[in-house]
Amino acid sequence: MYIAQEESFGPVMVISKFKNGDVDGVLRRANTTEYGLASGVFTKDISKALYISEKLEAGTVFINTYNKTDVAAPFGGFKQSGFGKDLGKLFSPSPISHLTVHIDENPA
């Protein structure tokens, strides 16, 4: 799907179906893009969400929310979505990857 492979800027959300329990298949599809700025996971199973957030190749992962950020948190992407991070204590001009995870513990 073209839209799921491009780095679109604007109010765009791609929702795709997957077979029940095929989390690793979803991760393979999500990580095949050459971009990795941000992603979102919506689930009632927080342990599954944390597992997914560790495996996603994205600079920021939102869990049960999207685009709620802390200005002190590092910001930046993986792959072609940026090199390194800016802001936050973990700023590093080195190629070491840092992941920022935002969790909404009380989703509406």
PDB file of N, CA and C in Angstrom:
ATOM      1  N   MET A   1       0.841  -1.152   0.000  1.00  0.00           N
ATOM      2  CA  MET A   1       0.000   0.000   0.000  1.00  0.00           C
ATOM      3  C   MET A   1       0.905   1.239   0.000  1.00  0.00           C
ATOM      4  N   TYR A   2       0.801   2.075  -1.027  1.00  0.00           N
ATOM      5  CA  TYR A   2       1.684   3.213  -1.226  1.00  0.00           C
ATOM      6  C   TYR A   2       1.703   4.164  -0.030  1.00  0.00           C
ATOM      7  N   ILE A   3       0.535   4.522   0.489  1.00  0.00           N
ATOM      8  CA  ILE A   3       0.473   5.505   1.576  1.00  0.00           C
ATOM      9  C   ILE A   3       1.169   5.000   2.839  1.00  0.00           C
ATOM     10  N   ALA A   4       1.189   3.714   3.047  1.00  0.00           N
ATOM     11  CA  ALA A   4       1.839   3.149   4.226  1.00  0.00           C
ATOM     12  C   ALA A   4       3.356   3.071   4.063  1.00  0.00           C
ATOM     13  N   GLN A   5       3.864   3.306   2.874  1.00  0.00           N
ATOM     14  CA  GLN A   5       5.302   3.241   2.621  1.00  0.00           C
ATOM     15  C   GLN A   5       5.958   4.612   2.527  1.00  0.00           C
ATOM     16  N   GLU A   6       5.175   5.675   2.457  1.00  0.00           N
ATOM     17  CA  GLU A   6       5.704   7.029   2.303  1.00  0.00           C
ATOM     18  C   GLU A   6       5.668   7.776   3.630  1.00  0.00           C
ATOM     19  N   GLU A   7       6.482   8.809   3.741  1.00  0.00           N
ATOM     20  CA  GLU A   7       6.480   9.642   4.930  1.00  0.00           C
ATOM     21  C   GLU A   7       5.609  10.855   4.655  1.00  0.00           C
ATOM     22  N   SER A   8       4.336  10.705   4.967  1.00  0.00           N
ATOM     23  CA  SER A   8       3.362  11.762   4.716  1.00  0.00           C
ATOM     24  C   SER A   8       3.332  12.726   5.895  1.00  0.00           C
ATOM     25  N   PHE A   9       3.267  14.015   5.602  1.00  0.00           N
ATOM     26  CA  PHE A   9       3.134  15.022   6.649  1.00  0.00           C
ATOM     27  C   PHE A   9       1.759  15.644   6.513  1.00  0.00           C
ATOM     28  N   GLY A  10       0.993  15.562   7.536  1.00  0.00           N
ATOM     29  CA  GLY A  10      -0.369  16.067   7.519  1.00  0.00           C
ATOM     30  C   GLY A  10      -1.244  15.138   8.313  1.00  0.00           C
ATOM     31  N   PRO A  11      -2.501  15.405   8.354  1.00  0.00           N
ATOM     32  CA  PRO A  11      -3.408  14.527   9.116  1.00  0.00           C
ATOM     33  C   PRO A  11      -3.727  13.250   8.349  1.00  0.00           C
ATOM     34  N   VAL A  12      -2.798  12.279   8.414  1.00  0.00           N
ATOM     35  CA  VAL A  12      -2.965  11.017   7.696  1.00  0.00           C
ATOM     36  C   VAL A  12      -2.826   9.872   8.697  1.00  0.00           C
ATOM     37  N   MET A  13      -3.761   8.936   8.649  1.00  0.00           N
ATOM     38  CA  MET A  13      -3.666   7.749   9.491  1.00  0.00           C
ATOM     39  C   MET A  13      -3.946   6.527   8.627  1.00  0.00           C
ATOM     40  N   VAL A  14      -3.064   5.558   8.687  1.00  0.00           N
ATOM     41  CA  VAL A  14      -3.257   4.309   7.964  1.00  0.00           C
ATOM     42  C   VAL A  14      -3.655   3.250   8.983  1.00  0.00           C
ATOM     43  N   ILE A  15      -4.789   2.640   8.761  1.00  0.00           N
ATOM     44  CA  ILE A  15      -5.256   1.548   9.615  1.00  0.00           C
ATOM     45  C   ILE A  15      -5.339   0.314   8.734  1.00  0.00           C
ATOM     46  N   SER A  16      -4.638  -0.730   9.119  1.00  0.00           N
ATOM     47  CA  SER A  16      -4.653  -1.938   8.305  1.00  0.00           C
ATOM     48  C   SER A  16      -5.019  -3.136   9.168  1.00  0.00           C
ATOM     49  N   LYS A  17      -5.674  -4.087   8.544  1.00  0.00           N
ATOM     50  CA  LYS A  17      -6.098  -5.307   9.230  1.00  0.00           C
ATOM     51  C   LYS A  17      -4.938  -6.278   9.354  1.00  0.00           C
ATOM     52  N   PHE A  18      -5.026  -7.145  10.348  1.00  0.00           N
ATOM     53  CA  PHE A  18      -4.065  -8.230  10.480  1.00  0.00           C
ATOM     54  C   PHE A  18      -4.755  -9.394  11.172  1.00  0.00           C
ATOM     55  N   LYS A  19      -4.208 -10.561  10.939  1.00  0.00           N
ATOM     56  CA  LYS A  19      -4.780 -11.760  11.552  1.00  0.00           C
ATOM     57  C   LYS A  19      -4.569 -11.713  13.056  1.00  0.00           C
ATOM     58  N   ASN A  20      -5.552 -12.188  13.795  1.00  0.00           N
ATOM     59  CA  ASN A  20      -5.490 -12.194  15.245  1.00  0.00           C
ATOM     60  C   ASN A  20      -4.217 -12.881  15.727  1.00  0.00           C
ATOM     61  N   GLY A  21      -3.451 -12.181  16.524  1.00  0.00           N
ATOM     62  CA  GLY A  21      -2.239 -12.760  17.091  1.00  0.00           C
ATOM     63  C   GLY A  21      -0.993 -12.639  16.237  1.00  0.00           C
ATOM     64  N   ASP A  22      -1.098 -12.121  15.020  1.00  0.00           N
ATOM     65  CA  ASP A  22       0.058 -12.039  14.119  1.00  0.00           C
ATOM     66  C   ASP A  22       0.847 -10.748  14.350  1.00  0.00           C
ATOM     67  N   VAL A  23       1.303 -10.547  15.576  1.00  0.00           N
ATOM     68  CA  VAL A  23       2.030  -9.333  15.927  1.00  0.00           C
ATOM     69  C   VAL A  23       3.342  -9.237  15.156  1.00  0.00           C
ATOM     70  N   ASP A  24       4.047 -10.333  15.013  1.00  0.00           N
ATOM     71  CA  ASP A  24       5.321 -10.291  14.287  1.00  0.00           C
ATOM     72  C   ASP A  24       5.117  -9.968  12.809  1.00  0.00           C
ATOM     73  N   GLY A  25       4.009 -10.421  12.220  1.00  0.00           N
ATOM     74  CA  GLY A  25       3.695 -10.062  10.840  1.00  0.00           C
ATOM     75  C   GLY A  25       3.411  -8.578  10.705  1.00  0.00           C
ATOM     76  N   VAL A  26       2.717  -8.015  11.677  1.00  0.00           N
ATOM     77  CA  VAL A  26       2.445  -6.574  11.684  1.00  0.00           C
ATOM     78  C   VAL A  26       3.759  -5.803  11.806  1.00  0.00           C
ATOM     79  N   LEU A  27       4.638  -6.249  12.673  1.00  0.00           N
ATOM     80  CA  LEU A  27       5.933  -5.589  12.835  1.00  0.00           C
ATOM     81  C   LEU A  27       6.755  -5.640  11.547  1.00  0.00           C
ATOM     82  N   ARG A  28       6.738  -6.785  10.865  1.00  0.00           N
ATOM     83  CA  ARG A  28       7.475  -6.883   9.587  1.00  0.00           C
ATOM     84  C   ARG A  28       6.939  -5.864   8.591  1.00  0.00           C
ATOM     85  N   ARG A  29       5.605  -5.768   8.480  1.00  0.00           N
ATOM     86  CA  ARG A  29       5.009  -4.804   7.547  1.00  0.00           C
ATOM     87  C   ARG A  29       5.350  -3.379   7.942  1.00  0.00           C
ATOM     88  N   ALA A  30       5.269  -3.081   9.232  1.00  0.00           N
ATOM     89  CA  ALA A  30       5.546  -1.716   9.695  1.00  0.00           C
ATOM     90  C   ALA A  30       7.002  -1.328   9.474  1.00  0.00           C
ATOM     91  N   ASN A  31       7.907  -2.263   9.604  1.00  0.00           N
ATOM     92  CA  ASN A  31       9.333  -1.960   9.509  1.00  0.00           C
ATOM     93  C   ASN A  31       9.898  -2.050   8.095  1.00  0.00           C
ATOM     94  N   THR A  32       9.090  -2.431   7.104  1.00  0.00           N
ATOM     95  CA  THR A  32       9.616  -2.523   5.737  1.00  0.00           C
ATOM     96  C   THR A  32       9.725  -1.169   5.047  1.00  0.00           C
ATOM     97  N   THR A  33       9.150  -0.136   5.616  1.00  0.00           N
ATOM     98  CA  THR A  33       9.279   1.189   5.039  1.00  0.00           C
ATOM     99  C   THR A  33      10.685   1.744   5.293  1.00  0.00           C
ATOM    100  N   GLU A  34      11.124   2.662   4.459  1.00  0.00           N
ATOM    101  CA  GLU A  34      12.446   3.251   4.658  1.00  0.00           C
ATOM    102  C   GLU A  34      12.405   4.439   5.615  1.00  0.00           C
ATOM    103  N   TYR A  35      11.233   4.712   6.171  1.00  0.00           N
ATOM    104  CA  TYR A  35      11.081   5.827   7.105  1.00  0.00           C
ATOM    105  C   TYR A  35      10.736   5.307   8.486  1.00  0.00           C
ATOM    106  N   GLY A  36      10.906   6.142   9.499  1.00  0.00           N
ATOM    107  CA  GLY A  36      10.589   5.723  10.858  1.00  0.00           C
ATOM    108  C   GLY A  36      10.541   6.887  11.825  1.00  0.00           C
ATOM    109  N   LEU A  37       9.692   7.866  11.557  1.00  0.00           N
ATOM    110  CA  LEU A  37       9.609   9.016  12.452  1.00  0.00           C
ATOM    111  C   LEU A  37       8.777   8.695  13.690  1.00  0.00           C
ATOM    112  N   ALA A  38       7.526   8.298  13.498  1.00  0.00           N
ATOM    113  CA  ALA A  38       6.650   8.021  14.638  1.00  0.00           C
ATOM    114  C   ALA A  38       5.646   6.935  14.274  1.00  0.00           C
ATOM    115  N   SER A  39       5.128   6.285  15.293  1.00  0.00           N
ATOM    116  CA  SER A  39       4.111   5.257  15.087  1.00  0.00           C
ATOM    117  C   SER A  39       3.190   5.242  16.289  1.00  0.00           C
ATOM    118  N   GLY A  40       2.044   4.591  16.136  1.00  0.00           N
ATOM    119  CA  GLY A  40       1.086   4.517  17.223  1.00  0.00           C
ATOM    120  C   GLY A  40       0.564   3.110  17.394  1.00  0.00           C
ATOM    121  N   VAL A  41       0.343   2.721  18.647  1.00  0.00           N
ATOM    122  CA  VAL A  41      -0.185   1.406  18.987  1.00  0.00           C
ATOM    123  C   VAL A  41      -1.399   1.624  19.890  1.00  0.00           C
ATOM    124  N   PHE A  42      -2.514   1.043  19.511  1.00  0.00           N
ATOM    125  CA  PHE A  42      -3.722   1.138  20.322  1.00  0.00           C
ATOM    126  C   PHE A  42      -4.134  -0.272  20.734  1.00  0.00           C
ATOM    127  N   THR A  43      -4.120  -0.536  22.039  1.00  0.00           N
ATOM    128  CA  THR A  43      -4.458  -1.856  22.554  1.00  0.00           C
ATOM    129  C   THR A  43      -4.783  -1.763  24.043  1.00  0.00           C
ATOM    130  N   LYS A  44      -5.517  -2.729  24.549  1.00  0.00           N
ATOM    131  CA  LYS A  44      -5.782  -2.813  25.984  1.00  0.00           C
ATOM    132  C   LYS A  44      -4.668  -3.572  26.700  1.00  0.00           C
ATOM    133  N   ASP A  45      -3.839  -4.287  25.942  1.00  0.00           N
ATOM    134  CA  ASP A  45      -2.777  -5.128  26.504  1.00  0.00           C
ATOM    135  C   ASP A  45      -1.470  -4.329  26.538  1.00  0.00           C
ATOM    136  N   ILE A  46      -1.154  -3.743  27.692  1.00  0.00           N
ATOM    137  CA  ILE A  46       0.018  -2.881  27.793  1.00  0.00           C
ATOM    138  C   ILE A  46       1.324  -3.648  27.586  1.00  0.00           C
ATOM    139  N   SER A  47       1.385  -4.908  28.000  1.00  0.00           N
ATOM    140  CA  SER A  47       2.618  -5.677  27.782  1.00  0.00           C
ATOM    141  C   SER A  47       2.844  -5.924  26.292  1.00  0.00           C
ATOM    142  N   LYS A  48       1.761  -6.146  25.556  1.00  0.00           N
ATOM    143  CA  LYS A  48       1.885  -6.302  24.107  1.00  0.00           C
ATOM    144  C   LYS A  48       2.318  -4.982  23.472  1.00  0.00           C
ATOM    145  N   ALA A  49       1.768  -3.879  23.941  1.00  0.00           N
ATOM    146  CA  ALA A  49       2.143  -2.565  23.413  1.00  0.00           C
ATOM    147  C   ALA A  49       3.623  -2.277  23.651  1.00  0.00           C
ATOM    148  N   LEU A  50       4.126  -2.615  24.815  1.00  0.00           N
ATOM    149  CA  LEU A  50       5.547  -2.397  25.108  1.00  0.00           C
ATOM    150  C   LEU A  50       6.432  -3.300  24.259  1.00  0.00           C
ATOM    151  N   TYR A  51       6.016  -4.542  24.052  1.00  0.00           N
ATOM    152  CA  TYR A  51       6.752  -5.449  23.172  1.00  0.00           C
ATOM    153  C   TYR A  51       6.839  -4.855  21.765  1.00  0.00           C
ATOM    154  N   ILE A  52       5.701  -4.387  21.270  1.00  0.00           N
ATOM    155  CA  ILE A  52       5.661  -3.799  19.924  1.00  0.00           C
ATOM    156  C   ILE A  52       6.525  -2.549  19.851  1.00  0.00           C
ATOM    157  N   SER A  53       6.451  -1.704  20.879  1.00  0.00           N
ATOM    158  CA  SER A  53       7.230  -0.457  20.851  1.00  0.00           C
ATOM    159  C   SER A  53       8.729  -0.720  20.807  1.00  0.00           C
ATOM    160  N   GLU A  54       9.176  -1.805  21.434  1.00  0.00           N
ATOM    161  CA  GLU A  54      10.602  -2.160  21.393  1.00  0.00           C
ATOM    162  C   GLU A  54      11.035  -2.639  20.011  1.00  0.00           C
ATOM    163  N   LYS A  55      10.115  -3.246  19.273  1.00  0.00           N
ATOM    164  CA  LYS A  55      10.444  -3.849  17.984  1.00  0.00           C
ATOM    165  C   LYS A  55      10.235  -2.900  16.800  1.00  0.00           C
ATOM    166  N   LEU A  56       9.405  -1.866  16.974  1.00  0.00           N
ATOM    167  CA  LEU A  56       9.153  -0.932  15.874  1.00  0.00           C
ATOM    168  C   LEU A  56      10.388  -0.090  15.596  1.00  0.00           C
ATOM    169  N   GLU A  57      10.668   0.120  14.347  1.00  0.00           N
ATOM    170  CA  GLU A  57      11.790   0.951  13.943  1.00  0.00           C
ATOM    171  C   GLU A  57      11.281   2.366  13.705  1.00  0.00           C
ATOM    172  N   ALA A  58      10.970   3.046  14.816  1.00  0.00           N
ATOM    173  CA  ALA A  58      10.465   4.411  14.772  1.00  0.00           C
ATOM    174  C   ALA A  58      11.069   5.183  15.937  1.00  0.00           C
ATOM    175  N   GLY A  59      11.286   6.460  15.743  1.00  0.00           N
ATOM    176  CA  GLY A  59      11.893   7.279  16.785  1.00  0.00           C
ATOM    177  C   GLY A  59      10.975   7.516  17.964  1.00  0.00           C
ATOM    178  N   THR A  60       9.675   7.612  17.703  1.00  0.00           N
ATOM    179  CA  THR A  60       8.685   7.816  18.754  1.00  0.00           C
ATOM    180  C   THR A  60       7.554   6.827  18.560  1.00  0.00           C
ATOM    181  N   VAL A  61       7.138   6.211  19.649  1.00  0.00           N
ATOM    182  CA  VAL A  61       5.984   5.315  19.620  1.00  0.00           C
ATOM    183  C   VAL A  61       4.966   5.840  20.627  1.00  0.00           C
ATOM    184  N   PHE A  62       3.759   6.070  20.155  1.00  0.00           N
ATOM    185  CA  PHE A  62       2.663   6.504  21.014  1.00  0.00           C
ATOM    186  C   PHE A  62       1.798   5.288  21.327  1.00  0.00           C
ATOM    187  N   ILE A  63       1.465   5.106  22.602  1.00  0.00           N
ATOM    188  CA  ILE A  63       0.623   3.989  23.016  1.00  0.00           C
ATOM    189  C   ILE A  63      -0.696   4.545  23.544  1.00  0.00           C
ATOM    190  N   ASN A  64      -1.780   4.164  22.893  1.00  0.00           N
ATOM    191  CA  ASN A  64      -3.139   4.584  23.227  1.00  0.00           C
ATOM    192  C   ASN A  64      -3.323   6.095  23.180  1.00  0.00           C
ATOM    193  N   THR A  65      -2.527   6.754  22.394  1.00  0.00           N
ATOM    194  CA  THR A  65      -2.624   8.189  22.151  1.00  0.00           C
ATOM    195  C   THR A  65      -1.833   8.474  20.883  1.00  0.00           C
ATOM    196  N   TYR A  66      -1.882   9.708  20.411  1.00  0.00           N
ATOM    197  CA  TYR A  66      -1.024  10.063  19.274  1.00  0.00           C
ATOM    198  C   TYR A  66      -0.733  11.553  19.321  1.00  0.00           C
ATOM    199  N   ASN A  67       0.509  11.885  19.130  1.00  0.00           N
ATOM    200  CA  ASN A  67       1.004  13.251  19.021  1.00  0.00           C
ATOM    201  C   ASN A  67       0.930  14.037  20.322  1.00  0.00           C
ATOM    202  N   LYS A  68       0.801  13.354  21.449  1.00  0.00           N
ATOM    203  CA  LYS A  68       0.950  14.012  22.748  1.00  0.00           C
ATOM    204  C   LYS A  68       2.412  13.860  23.122  1.00  0.00           C
ATOM    205  N   THR A  69       3.120  14.947  23.142  1.00  0.00           N
ATOM    206  CA  THR A  69       4.551  14.865  23.392  1.00  0.00           C
ATOM    207  C   THR A  69       4.953  15.736  24.570  1.00  0.00           C
ATOM    208  N   ASP A  70       6.097  15.460  25.091  1.00  0.00           N
ATOM    209  CA  ASP A  70       6.717  16.251  26.133  1.00  0.00           C
ATOM    210  C   ASP A  70       7.853  17.017  25.473  1.00  0.00           C
ATOM    211  N   VAL A  71       7.871  18.326  25.633  1.00  0.00           N
ATOM    212  CA  VAL A  71       8.882  19.128  24.947  1.00  0.00           C
ATOM    213  C   VAL A  71      10.302  18.795  25.401  1.00  0.00           C
ATOM    214  N   ALA A  72      10.442  18.125  26.537  1.00  0.00           N
ATOM    215  CA  ALA A  72      11.765  17.741  27.019  1.00  0.00           C
ATOM    216  C   ALA A  72      12.213  16.382  26.485  1.00  0.00           C
ATOM    217  N   ALA A  73      11.314  15.680  25.797  1.00  0.00           N
ATOM    218  CA  ALA A  73      11.649  14.349  25.288  1.00  0.00           C
ATOM    219  C   ALA A  73      12.451  14.464  23.994  1.00  0.00           C
ATOM    220  N   PRO A  74      13.393  13.562  23.789  1.00  0.00           N
ATOM    221  CA  PRO A  74      14.139  13.566  22.532  1.00  0.00           C
ATOM    222  C   PRO A  74      13.213  13.379  21.338  1.00  0.00           C
ATOM    223  N   PHE A  75      13.516  14.034  20.245  1.00  0.00           N
ATOM    224  CA  PHE A  75      12.688  13.937  19.052  1.00  0.00           C
ATOM    225  C   PHE A  75      13.561  13.637  17.852  1.00  0.00           C
ATOM    226  N   GLY A  76      13.132  12.701  17.030  1.00  0.00           N
ATOM    227  CA  GLY A  76      13.851  12.361  15.814  1.00  0.00           C
ATOM    228  C   GLY A  76      13.443  10.975  15.370  1.00  0.00           C
ATOM    229  N   GLY A  77      13.817  10.632  14.154  1.00  0.00           N
ATOM    230  CA  GLY A  77      13.380   9.368  13.602  1.00  0.00           C
ATOM    231  C   GLY A  77      14.510   8.406  13.344  1.00  0.00           C
ATOM    232  N   PHE A  78      14.134   7.275  12.807  1.00  0.00           N
ATOM    233  CA  PHE A  78      15.082   6.259  12.380  1.00  0.00           C
ATOM    234  C   PHE A  78      15.120   6.254  10.851  1.00  0.00           C
ATOM    235  N   LYS A  79      16.093   5.581  10.309  1.00  0.00           N
ATOM    236  CA  LYS A  79      16.238   5.391   8.862  1.00  0.00           C
ATOM    237  C   LYS A  79      16.287   6.744   8.153  1.00  0.00           C
ATOM    238  N   GLN A  80      15.455   6.942   7.123  1.00  0.00           N
ATOM    239  CA  GLN A  80      15.470   8.182   6.348  1.00  0.00           C
ATOM    240  C   GLN A  80      14.688   9.315   7.013  1.00  0.00           C
ATOM    241  N   SER A  81      14.189   9.085   8.214  1.00  0.00           N
ATOM    242  CA  SER A  81      13.407  10.106   8.924  1.00  0.00           C
ATOM    243  C   SER A  81      14.254  10.948   9.862  1.00  0.00           C
ATOM    244  N   GLY A  82      15.530  10.928   9.682  1.00  0.00           N
ATOM    245  CA  GLY A  82      16.381  11.773  10.502  1.00  0.00           C
ATOM    246  C   GLY A  82      17.544  11.007  11.059  1.00  0.00           C
ATOM    247  N   PHE A  83      18.523  11.771  11.445  1.00  0.00           N
ATOM    248  CA  PHE A  83      19.737  11.188  12.000  1.00  0.00           C
ATOM    249  C   PHE A  83      19.941  11.764  13.390  1.00  0.00           C
ATOM    250  N   GLY A  84      19.951  10.912  14.403  1.00  0.00           N
ATOM    251  CA  GLY A  84      20.112  11.377  15.769  1.00  0.00           C
ATOM    252  C   GLY A  84      18.835  11.970  16.311  1.00  0.00           C
ATOM    253  N   LYS A  85      18.943  12.601  17.455  1.00  0.00           N
ATOM    254  CA  LYS A  85      17.801  13.206  18.133  1.00  0.00           C
ATOM    255  C   LYS A  85      18.154  14.648  18.465  1.00  0.00           C
ATOM    256  N   ASP A  86      17.109  15.451  18.618  1.00  0.00           N
ATOM    257  CA  ASP A  86      17.331  16.773  19.170  1.00  0.00           C
ATOM    258  C   ASP A  86      16.421  16.935  20.370  1.00  0.00           C
ATOM    259  N   LEU A  87      16.753  17.868  21.230  1.00  0.00           N
ATOM    260  CA  LEU A  87      16.033  18.128  22.478  1.00  0.00           C
ATOM    261  C   LEU A  87      16.273  17.019  23.493  1.00  0.00           C
ATOM    262  N   GLY A  88      15.900  17.278  24.716  1.00  0.00           N
ATOM    263  CA  GLY A  88      15.981  16.269  25.761  1.00  0.00           C
ATOM    264  C   GLY A  88      17.400  15.966  26.204  1.00  0.00           C
ATOM    265  N   LYS A  89      17.505  15.258  27.315  1.00  0.00           N
ATOM    266  CA  LYS A  89      18.800  14.900  27.880  1.00  0.00           C
ATOM    267  C   LYS A  89      19.547  13.878  27.038  1.00  0.00           C
ATOM    268  N   LEU A  90      18.820  13.109  26.224  1.00  0.00           N
ATOM    269  CA  LEU A  90      19.475  12.050  25.454  1.00  0.00           C
ATOM    270  C   LEU A  90      19.979  12.527  24.099  1.00  0.00           C
ATOM    271  N   PHE A  91      19.996  13.860  23.862  1.00  0.00           N
ATOM    272  CA  PHE A  91      20.497  14.342  22.577  1.00  0.00           C
ATOM    273  C   PHE A  91      21.887  13.792  22.355  1.00  0.00           C
ATOM    274  N   SER A  92      22.093  13.269  21.171  1.00  0.00           N
ATOM    275  CA  SER A  92      23.390  12.696  20.845  1.00  0.00           C
ATOM    276  C   SER A  92      23.630  12.823  19.351  1.00  0.00           C
ATOM    277  N   PRO A  93      24.719  13.448  18.954  1.00  0.00           N
ATOM    278  CA  PRO A  93      25.009  13.513  17.522  1.00  0.00           C
ATOM    279  C   PRO A  93      25.528  12.187  16.973  1.00  0.00           C
ATOM    280  N   SER A  94      25.674  11.193  17.839  1.00  0.00           N
ATOM    281  CA  SER A  94      26.182   9.896  17.397  1.00  0.00           C
ATOM    282  C   SER A  94      25.066   9.097  16.738  1.00  0.00           C
ATOM    283  N   PRO A  95      25.409   8.029  16.023  1.00  0.00           N
ATOM    284  CA  PRO A  95      24.393   7.197  15.361  1.00  0.00           C
ATOM    285  C   PRO A  95      23.639   6.266  16.297  1.00  0.00           C
ATOM    286  N   ILE A  96      23.840   6.386  17.602  1.00  0.00           N
ATOM    287  CA  ILE A  96      23.115   5.536  18.553  1.00  0.00           C
ATOM    288  C   ILE A  96      21.639   5.907  18.504  1.00  0.00           C
ATOM    289  N   SER A  97      20.779   4.914  18.453  1.00  0.00           N
ATOM    290  CA  SER A  97      19.340   5.154  18.368  1.00  0.00           C
ATOM    291  C   SER A  97      18.717   5.188  19.753  1.00  0.00           C
ATOM    292  N   HIS A  98      17.877   6.175  19.974  1.00  0.00           N
ATOM    293  CA  HIS A  98      17.107   6.281  21.209  1.00  0.00           C
ATOM    294  C   HIS A  98      15.643   6.247  20.837  1.00  0.00           C
ATOM    295  N   LEU A  99      14.857   5.563  21.631  1.00  0.00           N
ATOM    296  CA  LEU A  99      13.429   5.435  21.385  1.00  0.00           C
ATOM    297  C   LEU A  99      12.677   6.210  22.450  1.00  0.00           C
ATOM    298  N   THR A 100      11.689   6.993  22.039  1.00  0.00           N
ATOM    299  CA  THR A 100      10.818   7.706  22.961  1.00  0.00           C
ATOM    300  C   THR A 100       9.444   7.062  22.890  1.00  0.00           C
ATOM    301  N   VAL A 101       8.905   6.669  24.040  1.00  0.00           N
ATOM    302  CA  VAL A 101       7.592   6.046  24.102  1.00  0.00           C
ATOM    303  C   VAL A 101       6.683   6.908  24.974  1.00  0.00           C
ATOM    304  N   HIS A 102       5.532   7.291  24.429  1.00  0.00           N
ATOM    305  CA  HIS A 102       4.524   8.050  25.165  1.00  0.00           C
ATOM    306  C   HIS A 102       3.338   7.122  25.412  1.00  0.00           C
ATOM    307  N   ILE A 103       2.942   6.965  26.680  1.00  0.00           N
ATOM    308  CA  ILE A 103       1.839   6.069  27.028  1.00  0.00           C
ATOM    309  C   ILE A 103       0.712   6.869  27.672  1.00  0.00           C
ATOM    310  N   ASP A 104      -0.477   6.725  27.155  1.00  0.00           N
ATOM    311  CA  ASP A 104      -1.672   7.283  27.781  1.00  0.00           C
ATOM    312  C   ASP A 104      -2.283   6.172  28.611  1.00  0.00           C
ATOM    313  N   GLU A 105      -2.134   6.266  29.916  1.00  0.00           N
ATOM    314  CA  GLU A 105      -2.628   5.214  30.799  1.00  0.00           C
ATOM    315  C   GLU A 105      -4.129   5.278  31.024  1.00  0.00           C
ATOM    316  N   ASN A 106      -4.736   6.368  30.615  1.00  0.00           N
ATOM    317  CA  ASN A 106      -6.180   6.535  30.792  1.00  0.00           C
ATOM    318  C   ASN A 106      -6.827   6.971  29.477  1.00  0.00           C
ATOM    319  N   PRO A 107      -6.760   6.135  28.442  1.00  0.00           N
ATOM    320  CA  PRO A 107      -7.349   6.533  27.166  1.00  0.00           C
ATOM    321  C   PRO A 107      -8.866   6.710  27.280  1.00  0.00           C
ATOM    322  N   ALA A 108      -9.367   7.663  26.541  1.00  0.00           N
ATOM    323  CA  ALA A 108     -10.800   7.951  26.597  1.00  0.00           C
ATOM    324  C   ALA A 108     -11.624   6.851  25.980  1.00  0.00           C
TER     325      ALA A 108
END
